């Protein structure tokens, strides 16, 4: 997600924004995820569920660098824990 771009344009009276996020670095997450119809049964395996949660946690923490919004509830390990 290092190649994030933002465009700004004016639509009548309102400023509009468009972001482009390059998600090549987390392609492994999308390649690994089961399809929607198989998602429930795929997440019943606890090892697979932990892997998915840790990957999502890493994506969310990387995203915090450039955007102060965050994916609520994705933290597997606290970023600021000592």
N, C-alpha and C. Protein backbone atom coordinates (compact mmCIF):
# COMPACT_ATOMS: atom_id res chain seq x y z
N UNK A 1 0.81 -1.19 0.00
CA UNK A 1 0.00 0.00 0.00
C UNK A 1 0.86 1.26 0.00
N UNK A 2 2.08 1.11 -0.37
CA UNK A 2 2.97 2.26 -0.38
C UNK A 2 2.69 3.20 -1.54
N UNK A 3 2.02 2.72 -2.57
CA UNK A 3 1.74 3.54 -3.75
C UNK A 3 0.30 4.05 -3.71
N UNK A 4 -0.03 4.76 -2.68
CA UNK A 4 -1.37 5.31 -2.53
C UNK A 4 -1.43 6.67 -3.21
N UNK A 5 -2.44 6.87 -4.03
CA UNK A 5 -2.62 8.14 -4.72
C UNK A 5 -3.98 8.72 -4.38
N UNK A 6 -4.08 10.04 -4.37
CA UNK A 6 -5.35 10.71 -4.10
C UNK A 6 -5.55 11.81 -5.13
N UNK A 7 -6.75 11.82 -5.72
CA UNK A 7 -7.12 12.87 -6.65
C UNK A 7 -8.25 13.69 -6.04
N UNK A 8 -8.24 14.98 -6.33
CA UNK A 8 -9.29 15.87 -5.85
C UNK A 8 -9.87 16.59 -7.07
N UNK A 9 -11.19 16.66 -7.12
CA UNK A 9 -11.85 17.39 -8.19
C UNK A 9 -13.10 18.04 -7.64
N UNK A 10 -13.63 18.98 -8.37
CA UNK A 10 -14.82 19.70 -7.92
C UNK A 10 -16.00 19.28 -8.77
N UNK A 11 -17.05 18.80 -8.12
CA UNK A 11 -18.29 18.42 -8.79
C UNK A 11 -19.34 19.46 -8.40
N UNK A 12 -19.67 20.33 -9.32
CA UNK A 12 -20.56 21.47 -9.06
C UNK A 12 -20.00 22.29 -7.91
N UNK A 13 -20.53 22.14 -6.70
CA UNK A 13 -20.08 22.93 -5.56
C UNK A 13 -19.27 22.12 -4.54
N UNK A 14 -19.24 20.82 -4.70
CA UNK A 14 -18.64 19.95 -3.69
C UNK A 14 -17.27 19.46 -4.12
N UNK A 15 -16.30 19.55 -3.22
CA UNK A 15 -14.99 18.94 -3.48
C UNK A 15 -15.11 17.44 -3.31
N UNK A 16 -14.64 16.69 -4.30
CA UNK A 16 -14.71 15.24 -4.28
C UNK A 16 -13.29 14.69 -4.24
N UNK A 17 -13.12 13.53 -3.62
CA UNK A 17 -11.82 12.90 -3.50
C UNK A 17 -11.91 11.46 -3.99
N UNK A 18 -10.85 11.00 -4.62
CA UNK A 18 -10.78 9.62 -5.05
C UNK A 18 -9.41 9.08 -4.67
N UNK A 19 -9.39 7.96 -3.97
CA UNK A 19 -8.14 7.34 -3.56
C UNK A 19 -7.90 6.08 -4.37
N UNK A 20 -6.65 5.84 -4.71
CA UNK A 20 -6.27 4.59 -5.35
C UNK A 20 -5.31 3.87 -4.43
N UNK A 21 -5.67 2.67 -4.04
CA UNK A 21 -4.82 1.87 -3.16
C UNK A 21 -4.30 0.69 -3.96
N UNK A 22 -3.00 0.53 -4.01
CA UNK A 22 -2.40 -0.62 -4.67
C UNK A 22 -2.25 -1.71 -3.63
N UNK A 23 -2.96 -2.81 -3.82
CA UNK A 23 -3.02 -3.86 -2.81
C UNK A 23 -2.18 -5.08 -3.17
N UNK A 24 -1.13 -4.90 -3.96
CA UNK A 24 -0.30 -6.04 -4.34
C UNK A 24 0.36 -6.70 -3.14
N UNK A 25 0.68 -5.92 -2.12
CA UNK A 25 1.37 -6.48 -0.97
C UNK A 25 0.49 -7.41 -0.14
N UNK A 26 -0.81 -7.27 -0.23
CA UNK A 26 -1.68 -8.17 0.53
C UNK A 26 -2.46 -9.10 -0.40
N UNK A 27 -1.91 -9.31 -1.59
CA UNK A 27 -2.56 -10.23 -2.53
C UNK A 27 -2.67 -11.63 -1.93
N UNK A 28 -1.66 -12.04 -1.15
CA UNK A 28 -1.70 -13.37 -0.54
C UNK A 28 -2.93 -13.55 0.34
N UNK A 29 -3.41 -12.46 0.95
CA UNK A 29 -4.62 -12.55 1.76
C UNK A 29 -5.82 -12.88 0.89
N UNK A 30 -5.95 -12.19 -0.24
CA UNK A 30 -7.10 -12.41 -1.11
C UNK A 30 -7.00 -13.74 -1.85
N UNK A 31 -5.79 -14.18 -2.19
CA UNK A 31 -5.63 -15.48 -2.84
C UNK A 31 -5.95 -16.62 -1.88
N UNK A 32 -5.68 -16.42 -0.61
CA UNK A 32 -5.84 -17.46 0.40
C UNK A 32 -7.28 -17.58 0.90
N UNK A 33 -8.03 -16.47 0.86
CA UNK A 33 -9.39 -16.47 1.40
C UNK A 33 -10.32 -17.37 0.60
N UNK A 34 -11.21 -18.10 1.28
CA UNK A 34 -12.19 -18.90 0.56
C UNK A 34 -13.25 -18.00 -0.08
N UNK A 35 -13.94 -18.53 -1.06
CA UNK A 35 -15.02 -17.76 -1.69
C UNK A 35 -16.15 -17.55 -0.68
N UNK A 36 -17.05 -16.63 -0.96
CA UNK A 36 -18.10 -16.29 0.00
C UNK A 36 -18.95 -17.48 0.40
N UNK A 37 -19.29 -18.35 -0.56
CA UNK A 37 -20.13 -19.50 -0.21
C UNK A 37 -19.38 -20.52 0.64
N UNK A 38 -18.06 -20.49 0.66
CA UNK A 38 -17.26 -21.43 1.46
C UNK A 38 -16.62 -20.76 2.67
N UNK A 39 -16.91 -19.48 2.89
CA UNK A 39 -16.22 -18.72 3.93
C UNK A 39 -16.51 -19.28 5.33
N UNK A 40 -17.77 -19.56 5.62
CA UNK A 40 -18.12 -20.04 6.97
C UNK A 40 -17.41 -21.35 7.28
N UNK A 41 -17.49 -22.32 6.38
CA UNK A 41 -16.84 -23.60 6.64
C UNK A 41 -15.32 -23.46 6.63
N UNK A 42 -14.80 -22.53 5.82
CA UNK A 42 -13.36 -22.31 5.79
C UNK A 42 -12.84 -21.70 7.08
N UNK A 43 -13.64 -20.89 7.75
CA UNK A 43 -13.21 -20.25 8.99
C UNK A 43 -13.49 -21.11 10.22
N UNK A 44 -14.09 -22.27 10.04
CA UNK A 44 -14.32 -23.16 11.18
C UNK A 44 -13.00 -23.79 11.64
N UNK A 45 -12.02 -23.89 10.75
CA UNK A 45 -10.70 -24.39 11.11
C UNK A 45 -9.97 -23.29 11.89
N UNK A 46 -9.66 -23.55 13.16
CA UNK A 46 -9.11 -22.52 14.03
C UNK A 46 -7.74 -22.04 13.56
N UNK A 47 -6.92 -22.92 13.00
CA UNK A 47 -5.61 -22.50 12.51
C UNK A 47 -5.75 -21.53 11.33
N UNK A 48 -6.67 -21.82 10.45
CA UNK A 48 -6.91 -20.94 9.30
C UNK A 48 -7.49 -19.60 9.77
N UNK A 49 -8.35 -19.65 10.79
CA UNK A 49 -8.95 -18.43 11.32
C UNK A 49 -7.87 -17.53 11.96
N UNK A 50 -6.96 -18.14 12.72
CA UNK A 50 -5.87 -17.36 13.31
C UNK A 50 -4.99 -16.73 12.24
N UNK A 51 -4.66 -17.50 11.21
CA UNK A 51 -3.85 -16.96 10.12
C UNK A 51 -4.53 -15.76 9.49
N UNK A 52 -5.82 -15.88 9.23
CA UNK A 52 -6.59 -14.80 8.63
C UNK A 52 -6.58 -13.57 9.54
N UNK A 53 -6.78 -13.77 10.83
CA UNK A 53 -6.80 -12.64 11.77
C UNK A 53 -5.45 -11.94 11.86
N UNK A 54 -4.36 -12.72 11.86
CA UNK A 54 -3.02 -12.11 11.94
C UNK A 54 -2.70 -11.33 10.67
N UNK A 55 -3.10 -11.84 9.51
CA UNK A 55 -2.88 -11.12 8.26
C UNK A 55 -3.69 -9.82 8.26
N UNK A 56 -4.95 -9.90 8.67
CA UNK A 56 -5.79 -8.71 8.72
C UNK A 56 -5.24 -7.69 9.71
N UNK A 57 -4.70 -8.17 10.83
CA UNK A 57 -4.07 -7.29 11.82
C UNK A 57 -2.88 -6.55 11.20
N UNK A 58 -2.06 -7.26 10.44
CA UNK A 58 -0.89 -6.63 9.80
C UNK A 58 -1.32 -5.60 8.76
N UNK A 59 -2.34 -5.91 7.97
CA UNK A 59 -2.84 -4.96 6.98
C UNK A 59 -3.37 -3.70 7.67
N UNK A 60 -4.12 -3.88 8.76
CA UNK A 60 -4.69 -2.74 9.48
C UNK A 60 -3.60 -1.86 10.09
N UNK A 61 -2.57 -2.48 10.65
CA UNK A 61 -1.48 -1.70 11.26
C UNK A 61 -0.68 -0.96 10.20
N UNK A 62 -0.47 -1.56 9.04
CA UNK A 62 0.24 -0.89 7.95
C UNK A 62 -0.59 0.29 7.44
N UNK A 63 -1.89 0.13 7.42
CA UNK A 63 -2.80 1.17 6.92
C UNK A 63 -2.82 2.39 7.85
N UNK A 64 -2.57 2.20 9.14
CA UNK A 64 -2.60 3.31 10.10
C UNK A 64 -1.51 4.34 9.82
N UNK A 65 -0.47 3.95 9.09
CA UNK A 65 0.63 4.86 8.81
C UNK A 65 0.16 6.05 7.97
N UNK A 66 -0.73 5.82 7.02
CA UNK A 66 -1.15 6.90 6.13
C UNK A 66 -2.59 7.33 6.32
N UNK A 67 -3.34 6.66 7.18
CA UNK A 67 -4.74 7.01 7.37
C UNK A 67 -5.09 6.78 8.83
N UNK A 68 -5.67 7.78 9.49
CA UNK A 68 -5.97 7.63 10.91
C UNK A 68 -7.24 6.84 11.18
N UNK A 69 -7.99 6.50 10.15
CA UNK A 69 -9.11 5.59 10.34
C UNK A 69 -8.54 4.18 10.47
N UNK A 70 -9.27 3.29 11.08
CA UNK A 70 -8.75 1.94 11.22
C UNK A 70 -9.89 0.95 11.11
N UNK A 71 -9.53 -0.31 10.84
CA UNK A 71 -10.51 -1.39 10.81
C UNK A 71 -10.82 -1.74 12.26
N UNK A 72 -12.01 -1.46 12.73
CA UNK A 72 -12.36 -1.71 14.12
C UNK A 72 -12.31 -3.21 14.40
N UNK A 73 -11.66 -3.58 15.47
CA UNK A 73 -11.65 -4.96 15.92
C UNK A 73 -10.68 -5.87 15.20
N UNK A 74 -9.68 -5.32 14.51
CA UNK A 74 -8.75 -6.19 13.80
C UNK A 74 -7.50 -6.49 14.61
N UNK A 75 -7.28 -5.82 15.71
CA UNK A 75 -6.03 -5.97 16.44
C UNK A 75 -5.94 -7.34 17.10
N UNK A 76 -4.95 -8.11 16.69
CA UNK A 76 -4.65 -9.39 17.35
C UNK A 76 -3.64 -9.16 18.46
N UNK A 77 -2.72 -8.23 18.21
CA UNK A 77 -1.69 -7.86 19.18
C UNK A 77 -1.67 -6.35 19.25
N UNK A 78 -1.65 -5.81 20.46
CA UNK A 78 -1.66 -4.36 20.62
C UNK A 78 -0.38 -3.75 20.06
N UNK A 79 -0.51 -2.65 19.34
CA UNK A 79 0.65 -1.97 18.76
C UNK A 79 1.46 -1.25 19.83
N UNK A 80 0.81 -0.74 20.85
CA UNK A 80 1.49 0.07 21.85
C UNK A 80 1.70 -0.65 23.18
N UNK A 81 1.49 -1.95 23.21
CA UNK A 81 1.64 -2.71 24.44
C UNK A 81 3.12 -2.86 24.78
N UNK A 82 3.46 -2.71 26.06
CA UNK A 82 4.87 -2.82 26.46
C UNK A 82 5.15 -4.16 27.07
